[in-house]
Amino acid sequence: MSTCVIIAGSYRSGTSLLAKFLHESGVDMNPAPSSKDVPGWHPTGSYKDSILECGIFKGWPEYFSGRNTDNIWGVKSHAMLFSPRMLDGFIASCPAHRKILIWTTRDSVSAARSWNALRKDISLETAIGRISDQLSIINAIYDNWQQSDRLSIEFPATAINPQSQLESVSQLIGIPFSMEACVHIQADIPQWK
């Protein structure tokens, strides 16, 4: 029985941290080369998911035909994926028996400030608007997801020690918790002891 883990979150909410943790824990998160990293985005390098690289996406049936979906695998959110029509297509085409949604939450203002500080090419007001829109869409999706297959976590609120949340994620998915897979998170969250 295969499981698809879907990581949803706004910009600067911890989706890359969680995707890297899961990939290093043995979940195939479909990483892509991160040659377009923004300096300072993540000390250990940002996580890119190749699901919707520009010019490559040709529809869900073709996407799934090129992925190994036999065991536990996943995708990281993209603005394009988390629009209702795209997500409906994803769910209808997804061959996994179980679909788990993990929402990395963060309040829109602090996420927007972090995104704006790194981007420098958009106003804070624009950043807040975009992230608020993302959160509204993801919240509606999360509310309608099967309760036993969803979990929300918040890295910024537990910056000192997010281990218990990562243990909950591992338990929900059915994989062993790996402290070794947390190394990049400890690098990104220096306060974590």
C-alpha atoms as a PDB file:
ATOM      1  CA  MET A   1       0.000   0.000   0.000  1.00  0.00           C
ATOM      2  CA  SER A   2       1.532   3.337  -1.068  1.00  0.00           C
ATOM      3  CA  THR A   3       1.394   6.629   0.809  1.00  0.00           C
ATOM      4  CA  CYS A   4       1.696  10.139  -0.627  1.00  0.00           C
ATOM      5  CA  VAL A   5       2.773  12.882   1.787  1.00  0.00           C
ATOM      6  CA  ILE A   6       1.725  16.368   0.688  1.00  0.00           C
ATOM      7  CA  ILE A   7       3.480  19.265   2.412  1.00  0.00           C
ATOM      8  CA  ALA A   8       1.485  22.485   2.273  1.00  0.00           C
ATOM      9  CA  GLY A   9       2.546  25.877   3.535  1.00  0.00           C
ATOM     10  CA  SER A  10       3.022  29.489   2.590  1.00  0.00           C
ATOM     11  CA  TYR A  11       6.381  30.947   1.673  1.00  0.00           C
ATOM     12  CA  ARG A  12       8.774  30.976   4.677  1.00  0.00           C
ATOM     13  CA  SER A  13       6.731  28.569   6.787  1.00  0.00           C
ATOM     14  CA  GLY A  14       9.106  25.608   6.965  1.00  0.00           C
ATOM     15  CA  THR A  15       8.051  23.552   3.929  1.00  0.00           C
ATOM     16  CA  SER A  16      11.665  23.161   2.782  1.00  0.00           C
ATOM     17  CA  LEU A  17      12.820  22.143   6.260  1.00  0.00           C
ATOM     18  CA  LEU A  18      10.124  19.491   6.499  1.00  0.00           C
ATOM     19  CA  ALA A  19      10.646  18.222   2.939  1.00  0.00           C
ATOM     20  CA  LYS A  20      14.378  17.814   3.552  1.00  0.00           C
ATOM     21  CA  PHE A  21      13.709  16.066   6.871  1.00  0.00           C
ATOM     22  CA  LEU A  22      11.337  13.614   5.190  1.00  0.00           C
ATOM     23  CA  HIS A  23      13.639  13.013   2.224  1.00  0.00           C
ATOM     24  CA  GLU A  24      16.553  12.302   4.548  1.00  0.00           C
ATOM     25  CA  SER A  25      14.230   9.979   6.521  1.00  0.00           C
ATOM     26  CA  GLY A  26      13.652   7.860   3.416  1.00  0.00           C
ATOM     27  CA  VAL A  27      10.538   9.472   1.900  1.00  0.00           C
ATOM     28  CA  ASP A  28      11.096  10.221  -1.811  1.00  0.00           C
ATOM     29  CA  MET A  29      10.310  13.952  -1.967  1.00  0.00           C
ATOM     30  CA  ASN A  30      11.433  14.364  -5.602  1.00  0.00           C
ATOM     31  CA  PRO A  31      14.188  16.940  -5.068  1.00  0.00           C
ATOM     32  CA  ALA A  32      15.392  19.136  -7.912  1.00  0.00           C
ATOM     33  CA  PRO A  33      18.744  20.934  -8.255  1.00  0.00           C
ATOM     34  CA  SER A  34      18.575  24.188  -6.320  1.00  0.00           C
ATOM     35  CA  SER A  35      20.708  26.330  -8.629  1.00  0.00           C
ATOM     36  CA  LYS A  36      18.454  29.372  -8.116  1.00  0.00           C
ATOM     37  CA  ASP A  37      18.942  29.620  -4.364  1.00  0.00           C
ATOM     38  CA  VAL A  38      18.423  33.038  -2.839  1.00  0.00           C
ATOM     39  CA  PRO A  39      21.506  33.932  -0.740  1.00  0.00           C
ATOM     40  CA  GLY A  40      20.691  33.478   2.928  1.00  0.00           C
ATOM     41  CA  TRP A  41      17.453  31.611   2.229  1.00  0.00           C
ATOM     42  CA  HIS A  42      18.598  28.488   4.076  1.00  0.00           C
ATOM     43  CA  PRO A  43      22.081  27.979   5.529  1.00  0.00           C
ATOM     44  CA  THR A  44      22.001  24.383   4.314  1.00  0.00           C
ATOM     45  CA  GLY A  45      20.540  25.171   0.883  1.00  0.00           C
ATOM     46  CA  SER A  46      16.878  25.512   0.009  1.00  0.00           C
ATOM     47  CA  TYR A  47      14.802  22.529  -0.994  1.00  0.00           C
ATOM     48  CA  LYS A  48      13.318  22.539  -4.477  1.00  0.00           C
ATOM     49  CA  ASP A  49      10.685  20.040  -5.575  1.00  0.00           C
ATOM     50  CA  SER A  50      10.779  19.283  -9.304  1.00  0.00           C
ATOM     51  CA  ILE A  51       7.009  18.712  -9.550  1.00  0.00           C
ATOM     52  CA  LEU A  52       6.209  21.949 -11.364  1.00  0.00           C
ATOM     53  CA  GLU A  53       9.436  23.268 -12.831  1.00  0.00           C
ATOM     54  CA  CYS A  54       8.697  25.798 -15.564  1.00  0.00           C
ATOM     55  CA  GLY A  55       8.281  24.237 -18.971  1.00  0.00           C
ATOM     56  CA  ILE A  56       8.274  20.665 -17.677  1.00  0.00           C
ATOM     57  CA  PHE A  57       4.826  20.048 -16.189  1.00  0.00           C
ATOM     58  CA  LYS A  58       2.627  18.312 -18.778  1.00  0.00           C
ATOM     59  CA  GLY A  59      -0.244  17.048 -16.659  1.00  0.00           C
ATOM     60  CA  TRP A  60      -0.720  14.731 -13.720  1.00  0.00           C
ATOM     61  CA  PRO A  61      -0.878  11.395 -15.589  1.00  0.00           C
ATOM     62  CA  GLU A  62       2.527  12.065 -17.168  1.00  0.00           C
ATOM     63  CA  TYR A  63       3.943  13.324 -13.884  1.00  0.00           C
ATOM     64  CA  PHE A  64       2.857  10.197 -12.006  1.00  0.00           C
ATOM     65  CA  SER A  65       4.091   7.893 -14.773  1.00  0.00           C
ATOM     66  CA  GLY A  66       7.597   9.248 -14.190  1.00  0.00           C
ATOM     67  CA  ARG A  67       7.634   8.851 -10.414  1.00  0.00           C
ATOM     68  CA  ASN A  68       8.182   5.834  -8.225  1.00  0.00           C
ATOM     69  CA  THR A  69       4.963   5.680  -6.224  1.00  0.00           C
ATOM     70  CA  ASP A  70       5.306   2.160  -4.835  1.00  0.00           C
ATOM     71  CA  ASN A  71       5.974   2.989  -1.207  1.00  0.00           C
ATOM     72  CA  ILE A  72       6.124   6.296   0.723  1.00  0.00           C
ATOM     73  CA  TRP A  73       6.750   9.369  -1.395  1.00  0.00           C
ATOM     74  CA  GLY A  74       5.679  12.981  -1.391  1.00  0.00           C
ATOM     75  CA  VAL A  75       5.406  16.449  -2.854  1.00  0.00           C
ATOM     76  CA  LYS A  76       6.079  19.911  -1.476  1.00  0.00           C
ATOM     77  CA  SER A  77       3.552  22.684  -2.025  1.00  0.00           C
ATOM     78  CA  HIS A  78       3.687  25.167  -4.843  1.00  0.00           C
ATOM     79  CA  ALA A  79       1.318  28.032  -5.487  1.00  0.00           C
ATOM     80  CA  MET A  80       0.215  26.292  -8.678  1.00  0.00           C
ATOM     81  CA  LEU A  81      -0.464  22.975  -6.941  1.00  0.00           C
ATOM     82  CA  PHE A  82      -2.508  24.519  -4.176  1.00  0.00           C
ATOM     83  CA  SER A  83      -5.154  26.052  -6.351  1.00  0.00           C
ATOM     84  CA  PRO A  84      -8.446  24.136  -6.171  1.00  0.00           C
ATOM     85  CA  ARG A  85      -8.434  22.947  -9.807  1.00  0.00           C
ATOM     86  CA  MET A  86      -4.823  21.756  -9.734  1.00  0.00           C
ATOM     87  CA  LEU A  87      -5.216  19.985  -6.411  1.00  0.00           C
ATOM     88  CA  ASP A  88      -8.425  18.282  -7.579  1.00  0.00           C
ATOM     89  CA  GLY A  89      -6.500  16.979 -10.609  1.00  0.00           C
ATOM     90  CA  PHE A  90      -3.637  15.841  -8.411  1.00  0.00           C
ATOM     91  CA  ILE A  91      -5.939  13.918  -6.048  1.00  0.00           C
ATOM     92  CA  ALA A  92      -7.940  12.361  -8.903  1.00  0.00           C
ATOM     93  CA  SER A  93      -4.770  11.146 -10.648  1.00  0.00           C
ATOM     94  CA  CYS A  94      -2.674  10.246  -7.588  1.00  0.00           C
ATOM     95  CA  PRO A  95      -2.157   6.461  -7.427  1.00  0.00           C
ATOM     96  CA  ALA A  96      -1.430   6.398  -3.667  1.00  0.00           C
ATOM     97  CA  HIS A  97      -3.809   4.483  -1.419  1.00  0.00           C
ATOM     98  CA  ARG A  98      -3.285   6.971   1.411  1.00  0.00           C
ATOM     99  CA  LYS A  99      -2.806  10.732   1.048  1.00  0.00           C
ATOM    100  CA  ILE A 100      -1.426  12.589   4.063  1.00  0.00           C
ATOM    101  CA  LEU A 101      -1.521  16.392   4.266  1.00  0.00           C
ATOM    102  CA  ILE A 102       0.958  18.170   6.533  1.00  0.00           C
ATOM    103  CA  TRP A 103       0.464  21.908   6.876  1.00  0.00           C
ATOM    104  CA  THR A 104       3.434  23.975   8.040  1.00  0.00           C
ATOM    105  CA  THR A 105       1.619  26.957   9.503  1.00  0.00           C
ATOM    106  CA  ARG A 106       2.934  30.427  10.216  1.00  0.00           C
ATOM    107  CA  ASP A 107       1.191  33.746  10.749  1.00  0.00           C
ATOM    108  CA  SER A 108       1.012  35.809   7.572  1.00  0.00           C
ATOM    109  CA  VAL A 109       2.796  38.912   8.901  1.00  0.00           C
ATOM    110  CA  SER A 110       5.945  37.193  10.196  1.00  0.00           C
ATOM    111  CA  ALA A 111       6.118  34.965   7.100  1.00  0.00           C
ATOM    112  CA  ALA A 112       5.714  38.016   4.858  1.00  0.00           C
ATOM    113  CA  ARG A 113       8.391  39.974   6.723  1.00  0.00           C
ATOM    114  CA  SER A 114      10.836  37.098   6.330  1.00  0.00           C
ATOM    115  CA  TRP A 115       9.985  36.681   2.633  1.00  0.00           C
ATOM    116  CA  ASN A 116      10.170  40.439   1.990  1.00  0.00           C
ATOM    117  CA  ALA A 117      13.552  40.715   3.740  1.00  0.00           C
ATOM    118  CA  LEU A 118      15.015  38.052   1.455  1.00  0.00           C
ATOM    119  CA  ARG A 119      13.304  39.075  -1.781  1.00  0.00           C
ATOM    120  CA  LYS A 120      13.737  42.856  -1.531  1.00  0.00           C
ATOM    121  CA  ASP A 121      11.829  43.222  -4.826  1.00  0.00           C
ATOM    122  CA  ILE A 122       8.287  43.256  -3.396  1.00  0.00           C
ATOM    123  CA  SER A 123       6.673  45.485  -0.826  1.00  0.00           C
ATOM    124  CA  LEU A 124       5.711  44.168   2.590  1.00  0.00           C
ATOM    125  CA  GLU A 125       2.057  44.841   1.741  1.00  0.00           C
ATOM    126  CA  THR A 126       2.319  42.734  -1.427  1.00  0.00           C
ATOM    127  CA  ALA A 127       4.052  39.942   0.506  1.00  0.00           C
ATOM    128  CA  ILE A 128       1.362  39.969   3.208  1.00  0.00           C
ATOM    129  CA  GLY A 129      -1.366  39.837   0.543  1.00  0.00           C
ATOM    130  CA  ARG A 130       0.177  36.894  -1.305  1.00  0.00           C
ATOM    131  CA  ILE A 131       0.857  34.891   1.830  1.00  0.00           C
ATOM    132  CA  SER A 132      -2.616  35.625   3.234  1.00  0.00           C
ATOM    133  CA  ASP A 133      -4.110  34.301  -0.025  1.00  0.00           C
ATOM    134  CA  GLN A 134      -1.982  31.142   0.216  1.00  0.00           C
ATOM    135  CA  LEU A 135      -3.026  30.574   3.824  1.00  0.00           C
ATOM    136  CA  SER A 136      -6.723  30.956   2.978  1.00  0.00           C
ATOM    137  CA  ILE A 137      -6.483  28.353   0.211  1.00  0.00           C
ATOM    138  CA  ILE A 138      -4.480  25.892   2.314  1.00  0.00           C
ATOM    139  CA  ASN A 139      -6.771  26.371   5.315  1.00  0.00           C
ATOM    140  CA  ALA A 140      -9.820  25.453   3.218  1.00  0.00           C
ATOM    141  CA  ILE A 141      -8.036  22.366   1.851  1.00  0.00           C
ATOM    142  CA  TYR A 142      -6.900  21.331   5.332  1.00  0.00           C
ATOM    143  CA  ASP A 143     -10.383  21.726   6.829  1.00  0.00           C
ATOM    144  CA  ASN A 144     -11.821  19.376   4.192  1.00  0.00           C
ATOM    145  CA  TRP A 145      -9.063  16.741   4.474  1.00  0.00           C
ATOM    146  CA  GLN A 146      -9.673  13.438   6.265  1.00  0.00           C
ATOM    147  CA  GLN A 147      -8.857  14.141   9.905  1.00  0.00           C
ATOM    148  CA  SER A 148      -6.838  10.947  10.459  1.00  0.00           C
ATOM    149  CA  ASP A 149      -4.557  11.841   7.520  1.00  0.00           C
ATOM    150  CA  ARG A 150      -3.715  15.456   8.311  1.00  0.00           C
ATOM    151  CA  LEU A 151      -1.429  17.277  10.726  1.00  0.00           C
ATOM    152  CA  SER A 152      -0.427  20.890  11.217  1.00  0.00           C
ATOM    153  CA  ILE A 153       2.945  21.879  12.640  1.00  0.00           C
ATOM    154  CA  GLU A 154       4.579  25.231  13.287  1.00  0.00           C
ATOM    155  CA  PHE A 155       8.360  25.478  13.245  1.00  0.00           C
ATOM    156  CA  PRO A 156       8.601  29.174  14.194  1.00  0.00           C
ATOM    157  CA  ALA A 157       6.522  28.636  17.349  1.00  0.00           C
ATOM    158  CA  THR A 158       8.759  25.783  18.450  1.00  0.00           C
ATOM    159  CA  ALA A 159      12.101  27.133  17.285  1.00  0.00           C
ATOM    160  CA  ILE A 160      13.885  25.948  20.415  1.00  0.00           C
ATOM    161  CA  ASN A 161      12.993  22.290  19.926  1.00  0.00           C
ATOM    162  CA  PRO A 162      10.733  21.094  17.086  1.00  0.00           C
ATOM    163  CA  GLN A 163      11.660  17.451  17.727  1.00  0.00           C
ATOM    164  CA  SER A 164       8.265  16.451  19.169  1.00  0.00           C
ATOM    165  CA  GLN A 165       6.490  17.777  16.081  1.00  0.00           C
ATOM    166  CA  LEU A 166       8.840  15.909  13.768  1.00  0.00           C
ATOM    167  CA  GLU A 167       8.259  12.767  15.811  1.00  0.00           C
ATOM    168  CA  SER A 168       4.488  13.281  15.315  1.00  0.00           C
ATOM    169  CA  VAL A 169       5.018  13.652  11.567  1.00  0.00           C
ATOM    170  CA  SER A 170       7.067  10.441  11.445  1.00  0.00           C
ATOM    171  CA  GLN A 171       4.460   8.570  13.477  1.00  0.00           C
ATOM    172  CA  LEU A 172       1.567   9.724  11.268  1.00  0.00           C
ATOM    173  CA  ILE A 173       3.411   8.662   8.109  1.00  0.00           C
ATOM    174  CA  GLY A 174       4.611   5.393   9.628  1.00  0.00           C
ATOM    175  CA  ILE A 175       8.376   5.896   9.389  1.00  0.00           C
ATOM    176  CA  PRO A 176      10.984   5.730  12.168  1.00  0.00           C
ATOM    177  CA  PHE A 177      12.009   9.111  13.574  1.00  0.00           C
ATOM    178  CA  SER A 178      15.593   9.942  12.570  1.00  0.00           C
ATOM    179  CA  MET A 179      17.643  12.429  14.585  1.00  0.00           C
ATOM    180  CA  GLU A 180      20.231  12.339  11.762  1.00  0.00           C
ATOM    181  CA  ALA A 181      17.602  13.737   9.391  1.00  0.00           C
ATOM    182  CA  CYS A 182      17.297  16.824  11.616  1.00  0.00           C
ATOM    183  CA  VAL A 183      20.831  18.111  11.017  1.00  0.00           C
ATOM    184  CA  HIS A 184      19.794  20.680   8.398  1.00  0.00           C
ATOM    185  CA  ILE A 185      16.956  21.938  10.614  1.00  0.00           C
ATOM    186  CA  GLN A 186      19.376  22.456  13.484  1.00  0.00           C
ATOM    187  CA  ALA A 187      21.559  24.475  11.085  1.00  0.00           C
ATOM    188  CA  ASP A 188      18.576  26.602  10.010  1.00  0.00           C
ATOM    189  CA  ILE A 189      17.292  27.088  13.563  1.00  0.00           C
ATOM    190  CA  PRO A 190      20.449  27.910  15.573  1.00  0.00           C
ATOM    191  CA  GLN A 191      18.489  28.170  18.841  1.00  0.00           C
ATOM    192  CA  TRP A 192      17.552  24.481  18.617  1.00  0.00           C
ATOM    193  CA  LYS A 193      19.692  22.639  21.149  1.00  0.00           C
END
